[in-house]
């Protein structure tokens, strides 16, 4: 849990793997080992807070259209940065099945704006 709190680059993959915790197979074990090897190779990565002269809030959002092959739902993600470090981020499946990439992006932006305000 601590590792996913300080490493937002692996949160999505850990959450996808956690869906199969109760019926894990060899493929899931291999994916888990791959994540651990990635963390070992990027041990110096993570959220770093540095002194900044200007404090501005920047927000980013993105989505993939029909990324989950099981139910054809898209995945939304957003990240908010204040000064030099991220303070809020999210990656999750959308509640609706988007009919186009534009609709998937619209849903992603709407969820990011809900978090911003």
C-alpha atoms as a PDB file:
ATOM      1  CA  UNK A   1       0.000   0.000   0.000  1.00  0.00           C
ATOM      2  CA  UNK A   2       2.844   2.411   0.831  1.00  0.00           C
ATOM      3  CA  UNK A   3       4.504   1.769  -2.506  1.00  0.00           C
ATOM      4  CA  UNK A   4       1.384   2.674  -4.471  1.00  0.00           C
ATOM      5  CA  UNK A   5       0.976   5.871  -2.436  1.00  0.00           C
ATOM      6  CA  UNK A   6       4.439   7.106  -3.357  1.00  0.00           C
ATOM      7  CA  UNK A   7       4.643   5.682  -6.870  1.00  0.00           C
ATOM      8  CA  UNK A   8       1.652   6.838  -8.942  1.00  0.00           C
ATOM      9  CA  UNK A   9       3.203   5.317 -12.068  1.00  0.00           C
ATOM     10  CA  UNK A  10       2.304   1.786 -10.900  1.00  0.00           C
ATOM     11  CA  UNK A  11      -1.073   2.390  -9.258  1.00  0.00           C
ATOM     12  CA  UNK A  12      -3.112   1.443 -12.317  1.00  0.00           C
ATOM     13  CA  UNK A  13      -1.274  -1.839 -12.854  1.00  0.00           C
ATOM     14  CA  UNK A  14      -1.526  -2.786  -9.186  1.00  0.00           C
ATOM     15  CA  UNK A  15      -5.255  -2.065  -9.174  1.00  0.00           C
ATOM     16  CA  UNK A  16      -5.785  -4.192 -12.290  1.00  0.00           C
ATOM     17  CA  UNK A  17      -3.879  -7.068 -10.691  1.00  0.00           C
ATOM     18  CA  UNK A  18      -5.841  -6.725  -7.455  1.00  0.00           C
ATOM     19  CA  UNK A  19      -9.039  -7.553  -9.373  1.00  0.00           C
ATOM     20  CA  UNK A  20      -7.725 -11.099  -9.760  1.00  0.00           C
ATOM     21  CA  UNK A  21      -6.481 -11.613  -6.193  1.00  0.00           C
ATOM     22  CA  UNK A  22      -8.988 -14.340  -5.382  1.00  0.00           C
ATOM     23  CA  UNK A  23      -8.482 -16.287  -8.603  1.00  0.00           C
ATOM     24  CA  UNK A  24      -4.911 -15.512  -9.576  1.00  0.00           C
ATOM     25  CA  UNK A  25      -3.141 -17.609 -12.171  1.00  0.00           C
ATOM     26  CA  UNK A  26       0.401 -17.932 -13.476  1.00  0.00           C
ATOM     27  CA  UNK A  27      -0.121 -14.949 -15.818  1.00  0.00           C
ATOM     28  CA  UNK A  28      -0.993 -12.725 -12.852  1.00  0.00           C
ATOM     29  CA  UNK A  29       2.042 -13.935 -10.929  1.00  0.00           C
ATOM     30  CA  UNK A  30       4.283 -13.104 -13.912  1.00  0.00           C
ATOM     31  CA  UNK A  31       2.733  -9.626 -14.148  1.00  0.00           C
ATOM     32  CA  UNK A  32       3.368  -9.094 -10.428  1.00  0.00           C
ATOM     33  CA  UNK A  33       7.004 -10.079 -10.835  1.00  0.00           C
ATOM     34  CA  UNK A  34       7.289  -7.671 -13.761  1.00  0.00           C
ATOM     35  CA  UNK A  35       6.001  -4.795 -11.602  1.00  0.00           C
ATOM     36  CA  UNK A  36       8.487  -5.676  -8.860  1.00  0.00           C
ATOM     37  CA  UNK A  37      11.337  -5.767 -11.384  1.00  0.00           C
ATOM     38  CA  UNK A  38      10.225  -2.361 -12.685  1.00  0.00           C
ATOM     39  CA  UNK A  39      10.217  -0.915  -9.163  1.00  0.00           C
ATOM     40  CA  UNK A  40      13.668  -2.359  -8.490  1.00  0.00           C
ATOM     41  CA  UNK A  41      15.014  -0.770 -11.687  1.00  0.00           C
ATOM     42  CA  UNK A  42      13.459   2.622 -10.924  1.00  0.00           C
ATOM     43  CA  UNK A  43      14.116   2.775  -7.190  1.00  0.00           C
ATOM     44  CA  UNK A  44      15.002   6.490  -7.310  1.00  0.00           C
ATOM     45  CA  UNK A  45      11.718   7.480  -8.953  1.00  0.00           C
ATOM     46  CA  UNK A  46       8.732   8.767  -7.056  1.00  0.00           C
ATOM     47  CA  UNK A  47       7.098  11.974  -5.925  1.00  0.00           C
ATOM     48  CA  UNK A  48       9.679  14.595  -5.068  1.00  0.00           C
ATOM     49  CA  UNK A  49       8.719  17.874  -3.442  1.00  0.00           C
ATOM     50  CA  UNK A  50      11.208  20.673  -4.035  1.00  0.00           C
ATOM     51  CA  UNK A  51      11.193  24.322  -3.145  1.00  0.00           C
ATOM     52  CA  UNK A  52       9.462  26.298  -5.889  1.00  0.00           C
ATOM     53  CA  UNK A  53       9.430  30.024  -6.521  1.00  0.00           C
ATOM     54  CA  UNK A  54       5.989  30.032  -8.122  1.00  0.00           C
ATOM     55  CA  UNK A  55       3.144  27.867  -6.977  1.00  0.00           C
ATOM     56  CA  UNK A  56       0.858  27.061  -9.877  1.00  0.00           C
ATOM     57  CA  UNK A  57      -1.668  24.299 -10.165  1.00  0.00           C
ATOM     58  CA  UNK A  58      -1.498  22.211 -13.329  1.00  0.00           C
ATOM     59  CA  UNK A  59      -3.967  19.489 -14.202  1.00  0.00           C
ATOM     60  CA  UNK A  60      -3.740  16.734 -16.792  1.00  0.00           C
ATOM     61  CA  UNK A  61      -6.292  14.159 -17.876  1.00  0.00           C
ATOM     62  CA  UNK A  62      -6.371  11.353 -20.408  1.00  0.00           C
ATOM     63  CA  UNK A  63      -8.321   8.246 -21.284  1.00  0.00           C
ATOM     64  CA  UNK A  64      -8.116   5.189 -23.459  1.00  0.00           C
ATOM     65  CA  UNK A  65     -11.135   4.175 -25.459  1.00  0.00           C
ATOM     66  CA  UNK A  66     -12.434   0.651 -24.769  1.00  0.00           C
ATOM     67  CA  UNK A  67      -9.197  -0.336 -23.060  1.00  0.00           C
ATOM     68  CA  UNK A  68     -10.674  -3.209 -21.070  1.00  0.00           C
ATOM     69  CA  UNK A  69     -11.406  -6.146 -23.364  1.00  0.00           C
ATOM     70  CA  UNK A  70     -13.617  -7.829 -20.752  1.00  0.00           C
ATOM     71  CA  UNK A  71     -16.365  -5.203 -20.713  1.00  0.00           C
ATOM     72  CA  UNK A  72     -15.196  -2.626 -23.335  1.00  0.00           C
ATOM     73  CA  UNK A  73     -15.110   0.200 -20.785  1.00  0.00           C
ATOM     74  CA  UNK A  74     -12.562   2.978 -21.029  1.00  0.00           C
ATOM     75  CA  UNK A  75     -10.050   3.985 -18.372  1.00  0.00           C
ATOM     76  CA  UNK A  76      -9.829   7.605 -17.219  1.00  0.00           C
ATOM     77  CA  UNK A  77      -6.903   9.188 -15.496  1.00  0.00           C
ATOM     78  CA  UNK A  78      -5.949  12.578 -14.145  1.00  0.00           C
ATOM     79  CA  UNK A  79      -3.118  14.178 -12.208  1.00  0.00           C
ATOM     80  CA  UNK A  80      -2.877  17.532 -10.449  1.00  0.00           C
ATOM     81  CA  UNK A  81       0.491  19.127  -9.736  1.00  0.00           C
ATOM     82  CA  UNK A  82       1.090  21.987  -7.304  1.00  0.00           C
ATOM     83  CA  UNK A  83       4.543  23.516  -7.310  1.00  0.00           C
ATOM     84  CA  UNK A  84       6.947  20.647  -7.876  1.00  0.00           C
ATOM     85  CA  UNK A  85       4.965  17.541  -6.935  1.00  0.00           C
ATOM     86  CA  UNK A  86       1.730  15.749  -7.631  1.00  0.00           C
ATOM     87  CA  UNK A  87      -0.872  15.987  -4.892  1.00  0.00           C
ATOM     88  CA  UNK A  88      -3.868  14.267  -6.471  1.00  0.00           C
ATOM     89  CA  UNK A  89      -4.125  11.558  -9.094  1.00  0.00           C
ATOM     90  CA  UNK A  90      -6.557   8.880 -10.142  1.00  0.00           C
ATOM     91  CA  UNK A  91      -6.865   6.088 -12.665  1.00  0.00           C
ATOM     92  CA  UNK A  92     -10.074   4.087 -12.888  1.00  0.00           C
ATOM     93  CA  UNK A  93     -12.591   2.541 -15.230  1.00  0.00           C
ATOM     94  CA  UNK A  94     -15.335   4.779 -16.508  1.00  0.00           C
ATOM     95  CA  UNK A  95     -18.876   4.039 -15.353  1.00  0.00           C
ATOM     96  CA  UNK A  96     -20.273   4.235 -18.882  1.00  0.00           C
ATOM     97  CA  UNK A  97     -19.326   2.522 -22.128  1.00  0.00           C
ATOM     98  CA  UNK A  98     -18.094   5.300 -24.425  1.00  0.00           C
ATOM     99  CA  UNK A  99     -19.113   5.099 -28.068  1.00  0.00           C
ATOM    100  CA  UNK A 100     -16.124   7.119 -29.335  1.00  0.00           C
ATOM    101  CA  UNK A 101     -12.743   8.412 -28.259  1.00  0.00           C
ATOM    102  CA  UNK A 102     -14.184  11.916 -27.963  1.00  0.00           C
ATOM    103  CA  UNK A 103     -16.832  10.690 -25.524  1.00  0.00           C
ATOM    104  CA  UNK A 104     -14.192   8.827 -23.489  1.00  0.00           C
ATOM    105  CA  UNK A 105     -12.070  11.991 -23.313  1.00  0.00           C
ATOM    106  CA  UNK A 106     -15.109  14.066 -22.312  1.00  0.00           C
ATOM    107  CA  UNK A 107     -15.902  11.700 -19.442  1.00  0.00           C
ATOM    108  CA  UNK A 108     -12.239  11.821 -18.335  1.00  0.00           C
ATOM    109  CA  UNK A 109     -12.186  15.631 -18.343  1.00  0.00           C
ATOM    110  CA  UNK A 110     -15.501  15.774 -16.481  1.00  0.00           C
ATOM    111  CA  UNK A 111     -14.168  13.509 -13.702  1.00  0.00           C
ATOM    112  CA  UNK A 112     -10.960  15.586 -13.477  1.00  0.00           C
ATOM    113  CA  UNK A 113     -12.986  18.796 -13.220  1.00  0.00           C
ATOM    114  CA  UNK A 114     -15.137  17.271 -10.476  1.00  0.00           C
ATOM    115  CA  UNK A 115     -11.959  16.622  -8.517  1.00  0.00           C
ATOM    116  CA  UNK A 116     -10.568  20.109  -9.238  1.00  0.00           C
ATOM    117  CA  UNK A 117     -13.604  21.909  -7.848  1.00  0.00           C
END
